[in-house]
Structure formats: C-alpha cells, structure tokens
Amino acid sequence: MNIDGYVLKEFSIKEISQCIKTVLKGEKYFSKEIEQFIEEPIIDFSIFTKSEVNVLKLISQEKTSKEIAEMLFVSIKTIDSHRYNICKKLNLKPEKNSLLKWVFQNSPIL
C-alpha cells in the first residue's frame, strides 16, 4: 500500500494534526476506525526510539548485530539491548530469531 496516512473527515483537527506530524516523521498514520479494513499490518512506530527504528531497518537489510554496531558506532551489547527492547515492545516470544522472523514478515512497512 502506498498510503502513508488517512484520517476520516469527521474527526477533529487534533487527529488531522497528529496524522500530519506522524507522516512527516516518515511513519504511517491511520484513524483507528479504518485500521480494521487495511490489509497491511499497522505498526505504531512511536513505541520505538529512533535507534530502535534504525536497528529494525538495518535488520531488514539483513545486517548482523556486529555490522549494525559498526555502522552505528556502538557496541554489539548496545545492539543486543535494542533487539531485546524491540522484542519486548512487540511482545515477541523469546525464541531464537523471533525478531528476524518478525522483520521479514513486516519488512514492506519498515
């Protein structure tokens, strides 16, 4: 889907404003009332820090933790912490490669 934001016209200026701000940050925004009709899963990226979003994008490019750490000039331990926090926020089961699987299932929206 090539739509970044959609707000029903009967909603407040506040929601329209929030939609514009969200889309300008490079994220997607859809009114809660229409999310159920959209086939593409909606991920609320506002739950992630900027660093976590960067890590997710790099994981989707099949970068390893070591490569990501080198690219972002941080330690591998920092990347592992980001991965852990992302998994927690997504309620992923603590299984091997659960984050990697999630990223590949959701990579079109990253």
N, C-alpha and C. Protein backbone atom coordinates (compact mmCIF):
# COMPACT_ATOMS: atom_id res chain seq x y z
N MET A 1 0.85 -1.16 0.00
CA MET A 1 0.00 0.00 0.00
C MET A 1 0.90 1.23 0.00
N ASN A 2 0.60 2.20 -0.82
CA ASN A 2 1.41 3.41 -0.92
C ASN A 2 0.78 4.60 -0.24
N ILE A 3 0.00 4.37 0.78
CA ILE A 3 -0.64 5.44 1.53
C ILE A 3 0.06 5.54 2.88
N ASP A 4 0.48 6.75 3.21
CA ASP A 4 1.18 6.94 4.48
C ASP A 4 0.27 7.39 5.60
N GLY A 5 -0.86 8.00 5.26
CA GLY A 5 -1.76 8.46 6.29
C GLY A 5 -3.17 8.63 5.77
N TYR A 6 -4.13 8.37 6.66
CA TYR A 6 -5.52 8.52 6.27
C TYR A 6 -6.34 8.81 7.52
N VAL A 7 -7.09 9.90 7.47
CA VAL A 7 -7.95 10.30 8.58
C VAL A 7 -9.35 10.51 8.03
N LEU A 8 -10.34 9.99 8.73
CA LEU A 8 -11.72 10.21 8.32
C LEU A 8 -12.08 11.67 8.53
N LYS A 9 -12.82 12.25 7.59
CA LYS A 9 -13.08 13.70 7.61
C LYS A 9 -13.88 14.17 8.82
N GLU A 10 -14.61 13.28 9.44
CA GLU A 10 -15.42 13.72 10.58
C GLU A 10 -14.62 13.82 11.89
N PHE A 11 -13.33 13.57 11.84
CA PHE A 11 -12.54 13.62 13.06
C PHE A 11 -11.91 14.99 13.27
N SER A 12 -11.47 15.19 14.47
CA SER A 12 -11.02 16.52 14.92
C SER A 12 -9.74 16.99 14.25
N ILE A 13 -9.54 18.27 14.36
CA ILE A 13 -8.32 18.92 13.88
C ILE A 13 -7.11 18.30 14.58
N LYS A 14 -7.30 17.93 15.85
CA LYS A 14 -6.20 17.34 16.62
C LYS A 14 -5.71 16.05 15.96
N GLU A 15 -6.63 15.20 15.50
CA GLU A 15 -6.22 13.95 14.86
C GLU A 15 -5.57 14.23 13.51
N ILE A 16 -6.10 15.19 12.78
CA ILE A 16 -5.50 15.55 11.49
C ILE A 16 -4.08 16.06 11.70
N SER A 17 -3.92 16.89 12.71
CA SER A 17 -2.60 17.42 13.04
C SER A 17 -1.63 16.29 13.41
N GLN A 18 -2.12 15.35 14.22
CA GLN A 18 -1.29 14.21 14.63
C GLN A 18 -0.89 13.38 13.41
N CYS A 19 -1.82 13.19 12.49
CA CYS A 19 -1.55 12.43 11.27
C CYS A 19 -0.43 13.10 10.46
N ILE A 20 -0.54 14.41 10.28
CA ILE A 20 0.47 15.15 9.51
C ILE A 20 1.84 15.05 10.16
N LYS A 21 1.89 15.24 11.48
CA LYS A 21 3.17 15.16 12.20
C LYS A 21 3.78 13.77 12.07
N THR A 22 2.95 12.75 12.19
CA THR A 22 3.43 11.37 12.11
C THR A 22 3.99 11.07 10.72
N VAL A 23 3.26 11.45 9.69
CA VAL A 23 3.69 11.19 8.30
C VAL A 23 4.96 11.97 7.98
N LEU A 24 5.07 13.19 8.48
CA LEU A 24 6.28 13.98 8.23
C LEU A 24 7.52 13.36 8.88
N LYS A 25 7.31 12.56 9.93
CA LYS A 25 8.43 11.84 10.56
C LYS A 25 8.78 10.56 9.80
N GLY A 26 8.06 10.31 8.70
CA GLY A 26 8.34 9.11 7.92
C GLY A 26 7.59 7.88 8.40
N GLU A 27 6.60 8.08 9.25
CA GLU A 27 5.82 6.97 9.78
C GLU A 27 4.43 6.99 9.16
N LYS A 28 3.68 5.92 9.37
CA LYS A 28 2.33 5.83 8.83
C LYS A 28 1.32 6.13 9.92
N TYR A 29 0.18 6.71 9.52
CA TYR A 29 -0.87 7.02 10.48
C TYR A 29 -2.22 6.76 9.83
N PHE A 30 -3.06 6.01 10.51
CA PHE A 30 -4.42 5.72 10.05
C PHE A 30 -5.37 5.85 11.22
N SER A 31 -6.53 6.43 10.99
CA SER A 31 -7.55 6.50 12.03
C SER A 31 -7.85 5.10 12.54
N LYS A 32 -8.04 4.99 13.83
CA LYS A 32 -8.33 3.67 14.43
C LYS A 32 -9.54 3.00 13.79
N GLU A 33 -10.53 3.79 13.37
CA GLU A 33 -11.76 3.26 12.81
C GLU A 33 -11.56 2.57 11.46
N ILE A 34 -10.47 2.88 10.76
CA ILE A 34 -10.27 2.25 9.45
C ILE A 34 -9.16 1.20 9.44
N GLU A 35 -8.41 1.09 10.53
CA GLU A 35 -7.32 0.12 10.58
C GLU A 35 -7.80 -1.30 10.29
N GLN A 36 -9.00 -1.63 10.73
CA GLN A 36 -9.51 -2.99 10.54
C GLN A 36 -9.74 -3.33 9.07
N PHE A 37 -9.85 -2.31 8.22
CA PHE A 37 -10.11 -2.54 6.81
C PHE A 37 -8.83 -2.55 5.96
N ILE A 38 -7.72 -2.31 6.59
CA ILE A 38 -6.44 -2.25 5.88
C ILE A 38 -5.76 -3.60 6.01
N GLU A 39 -5.35 -4.16 4.89
CA GLU A 39 -4.72 -5.48 4.89
C GLU A 39 -3.31 -5.43 5.46
N GLU A 40 -2.61 -4.37 5.19
CA GLU A 40 -1.25 -4.22 5.67
C GLU A 40 -1.26 -4.01 7.18
N PRO A 41 -0.43 -4.75 7.91
CA PRO A 41 -0.42 -4.56 9.36
C PRO A 41 0.06 -3.16 9.71
N ILE A 42 -0.58 -2.56 10.68
CA ILE A 42 -0.21 -1.22 11.12
C ILE A 42 0.66 -1.35 12.36
N ILE A 43 1.85 -0.82 12.26
CA ILE A 43 2.77 -0.84 13.38
C ILE A 43 2.90 0.59 13.88
N ASP A 44 2.69 0.78 15.16
CA ASP A 44 2.83 2.10 15.76
C ASP A 44 4.30 2.31 16.09
N PHE A 45 5.00 2.95 15.18
CA PHE A 45 6.44 3.13 15.36
C PHE A 45 6.77 4.13 16.47
N SER A 46 5.78 4.82 16.99
CA SER A 46 6.06 5.76 18.06
C SER A 46 6.46 5.04 19.36
N ILE A 47 6.23 3.72 19.42
CA ILE A 47 6.64 2.98 20.62
C ILE A 47 8.15 2.72 20.62
N PHE A 48 8.80 2.94 19.48
CA PHE A 48 10.23 2.68 19.37
C PHE A 48 11.02 3.98 19.44
N THR A 49 12.24 3.87 19.96
CA THR A 49 13.15 5.01 19.91
C THR A 49 13.70 5.12 18.49
N LYS A 50 14.32 6.24 18.20
CA LYS A 50 14.94 6.42 16.88
C LYS A 50 15.99 5.33 16.61
N SER A 51 16.76 5.03 17.63
CA SER A 51 17.80 4.00 17.49
C SER A 51 17.18 2.64 17.20
N GLU A 52 16.07 2.32 17.86
CA GLU A 52 15.41 1.04 17.63
C GLU A 52 14.87 0.96 16.20
N VAL A 53 14.33 2.05 15.69
CA VAL A 53 13.84 2.07 14.31
C VAL A 53 15.00 1.85 13.35
N ASN A 54 16.14 2.51 13.62
CA ASN A 54 17.33 2.30 12.78
C ASN A 54 17.78 0.85 12.79
N VAL A 55 17.77 0.25 13.98
CA VAL A 55 18.16 -1.16 14.09
C VAL A 55 17.19 -2.04 13.31
N LEU A 56 15.90 -1.78 13.42
CA LEU A 56 14.91 -2.56 12.66
C LEU A 56 15.15 -2.46 11.16
N LYS A 57 15.42 -1.26 10.69
CA LYS A 57 15.67 -1.07 9.25
C LYS A 57 16.92 -1.82 8.81
N LEU A 58 17.95 -1.78 9.63
CA LEU A 58 19.18 -2.49 9.27
C LEU A 58 19.01 -4.00 9.35
N ILE A 59 18.22 -4.47 10.29
CA ILE A 59 17.92 -5.91 10.34
C ILE A 59 17.18 -6.32 9.08
N SER A 60 16.28 -5.46 8.60
CA SER A 60 15.53 -5.78 7.38
C SER A 60 16.43 -5.81 6.15
N GLN A 61 17.61 -5.19 6.27
CA GLN A 61 18.59 -5.23 5.19
C GLN A 61 19.57 -6.39 5.39
N GLU A 62 19.20 -7.28 6.30
CA GLU A 62 19.96 -8.49 6.60
C GLU A 62 21.35 -8.24 7.18
N LYS A 63 21.46 -7.16 7.95
CA LYS A 63 22.73 -6.85 8.63
C LYS A 63 22.78 -7.61 9.94
N THR A 64 23.96 -8.07 10.30
CA THR A 64 24.15 -8.76 11.57
C THR A 64 24.30 -7.73 12.69
N SER A 65 24.23 -8.19 13.93
CA SER A 65 24.41 -7.28 15.06
C SER A 65 25.79 -6.61 15.00
N LYS A 66 26.78 -7.37 14.61
CA LYS A 66 28.14 -6.83 14.51
C LYS A 66 28.19 -5.73 13.45
N GLU A 67 27.60 -5.98 12.29
CA GLU A 67 27.58 -4.99 11.22
C GLU A 67 26.81 -3.73 11.64
N ILE A 68 25.68 -3.95 12.31
CA ILE A 68 24.87 -2.82 12.76
C ILE A 68 25.65 -1.98 13.77
N ALA A 69 26.32 -2.66 14.71
CA ALA A 69 27.11 -1.96 15.72
C ALA A 69 28.20 -1.11 15.05
N GLU A 70 28.87 -1.67 14.07
CA GLU A 70 29.93 -0.93 13.37
C GLU A 70 29.35 0.26 12.60
N MET A 71 28.19 0.07 11.97
CA MET A 71 27.58 1.14 11.19
C MET A 71 27.11 2.28 12.08
N LEU A 72 26.63 1.95 13.28
CA LEU A 72 26.09 2.97 14.19
C LEU A 72 27.12 3.44 15.23
N PHE A 73 28.33 2.90 15.14
CA PHE A 73 29.42 3.27 16.04
C PHE A 73 29.06 3.04 17.51
N VAL A 74 28.48 1.87 17.78
CA VAL A 74 28.14 1.46 19.15
C VAL A 74 28.64 0.03 19.36
N SER A 75 28.51 -0.46 20.57
CA SER A 75 28.95 -1.83 20.86
C SER A 75 27.87 -2.84 20.44
N ILE A 76 28.29 -4.06 20.28
CA ILE A 76 27.34 -5.14 19.98
C ILE A 76 26.36 -5.30 21.14
N LYS A 77 26.85 -5.07 22.36
CA LYS A 77 25.99 -5.17 23.53
C LYS A 77 24.84 -4.15 23.44
N THR A 78 25.12 -2.95 22.92
CA THR A 78 24.08 -1.94 22.75
C THR A 78 23.04 -2.41 21.74
N ILE A 79 23.50 -3.02 20.66
CA ILE A 79 22.57 -3.53 19.64
C ILE A 79 21.74 -4.66 20.23
N ASP A 80 22.37 -5.52 21.01
CA ASP A 80 21.62 -6.60 21.67
C ASP A 80 20.56 -6.03 22.61
N SER A 81 20.88 -4.94 23.29
CA SER A 81 19.89 -4.29 24.17
C SER A 81 18.73 -3.73 23.35
N HIS A 82 19.04 -3.11 22.22
CA HIS A 82 17.98 -2.60 21.34
C HIS A 82 17.09 -3.75 20.86
N ARG A 83 17.72 -4.84 20.45
CA ARG A 83 16.95 -6.01 19.97
C ARG A 83 16.03 -6.52 21.09
N TYR A 84 16.56 -6.60 22.29
CA TYR A 84 15.78 -7.08 23.43
C TYR A 84 14.58 -6.16 23.68
N ASN A 85 14.83 -4.85 23.69
CA ASN A 85 13.76 -3.88 23.94
C ASN A 85 12.70 -3.92 22.84
N ILE A 86 13.13 -4.08 21.61
CA ILE A 86 12.19 -4.17 20.48
C ILE A 86 11.31 -5.40 20.64
N CYS A 87 11.92 -6.53 20.95
CA CYS A 87 11.17 -7.77 21.15
C CYS A 87 10.14 -7.61 22.27
N LYS A 88 10.54 -6.95 23.33
CA LYS A 88 9.64 -6.73 24.46
C LYS A 88 8.44 -5.87 24.03
N LYS A 89 8.72 -4.81 23.28
CA LYS A 89 7.66 -3.91 22.84
C LYS A 89 6.70 -4.58 21.85
N LEU A 90 7.22 -5.54 21.09
CA LEU A 90 6.40 -6.26 20.12
C LEU A 90 5.76 -7.51 20.71
N ASN A 91 6.06 -7.79 21.98
CA ASN A 91 5.55 -8.98 22.66
C ASN A 91 5.93 -10.26 21.92
N LEU A 92 7.15 -10.30 21.43
CA LEU A 92 7.62 -11.50 20.73
C LEU A 92 8.07 -12.54 21.74
N LYS A 93 7.83 -13.78 21.41
CA LYS A 93 8.25 -14.87 22.28
C LYS A 93 9.78 -14.93 22.28
N PRO A 94 10.36 -15.29 23.41
CA PRO A 94 11.82 -15.35 23.47
C PRO A 94 12.38 -16.59 22.77
N GLU A 95 12.13 -16.66 21.50
CA GLU A 95 12.63 -17.77 20.68
C GLU A 95 13.77 -17.28 19.81
N LYS A 96 14.60 -18.19 19.41
CA LYS A 96 15.72 -17.83 18.54
C LYS A 96 15.18 -17.24 17.24
N ASN A 97 15.73 -16.13 16.84
CA ASN A 97 15.39 -15.44 15.58
C ASN A 97 13.96 -14.92 15.51
N SER A 98 13.28 -14.76 16.64
CA SER A 98 11.90 -14.28 16.58
C SER A 98 11.83 -12.86 16.01
N LEU A 99 12.81 -12.02 16.34
CA LEU A 99 12.82 -10.66 15.81
C LEU A 99 13.10 -10.68 14.31
N LEU A 100 14.04 -11.50 13.91
CA LEU A 100 14.37 -11.61 12.48
C LEU A 100 13.16 -12.07 11.68
N LYS A 101 12.44 -13.05 12.20
CA LYS A 101 11.22 -13.53 11.53
C LYS A 101 10.19 -12.41 11.45
N TRP A 102 10.01 -11.66 12.54
CA TRP A 102 9.04 -10.57 12.55
C TRP A 102 9.42 -9.52 11.51
N VAL A 103 10.72 -9.18 11.45
CA VAL A 103 11.17 -8.17 10.49
C VAL A 103 10.89 -8.59 9.07
N PHE A 104 11.16 -9.85 8.74
CA PHE A 104 10.92 -10.30 7.37
C PHE A 104 9.43 -10.37 7.03
N GLN A 105 8.61 -10.63 8.01
CA GLN A 105 7.17 -10.62 7.77
C GLN A 105 6.63 -9.20 7.59
N ASN A 106 7.30 -8.25 8.20
CA ASN A 106 6.83 -6.86 8.19
C ASN A 106 7.75 -5.91 7.43
N SER A 107 8.71 -6.43 6.71
CA SER A 107 9.69 -5.57 6.03
C SER A 107 9.11 -4.56 5.06
N PRO A 108 7.97 -4.83 4.38
CA PRO A 108 7.45 -3.80 3.48
C PRO A 108 7.06 -2.50 4.18
N ILE A 109 6.80 -2.56 5.49
CA ILE A 109 6.40 -1.35 6.18
C ILE A 109 7.54 -0.69 6.95
N LEU A 110 8.72 -1.28 6.89
CA LEU A 110 9.86 -0.70 7.60
C LEU A 110 10.53 0.36 6.75
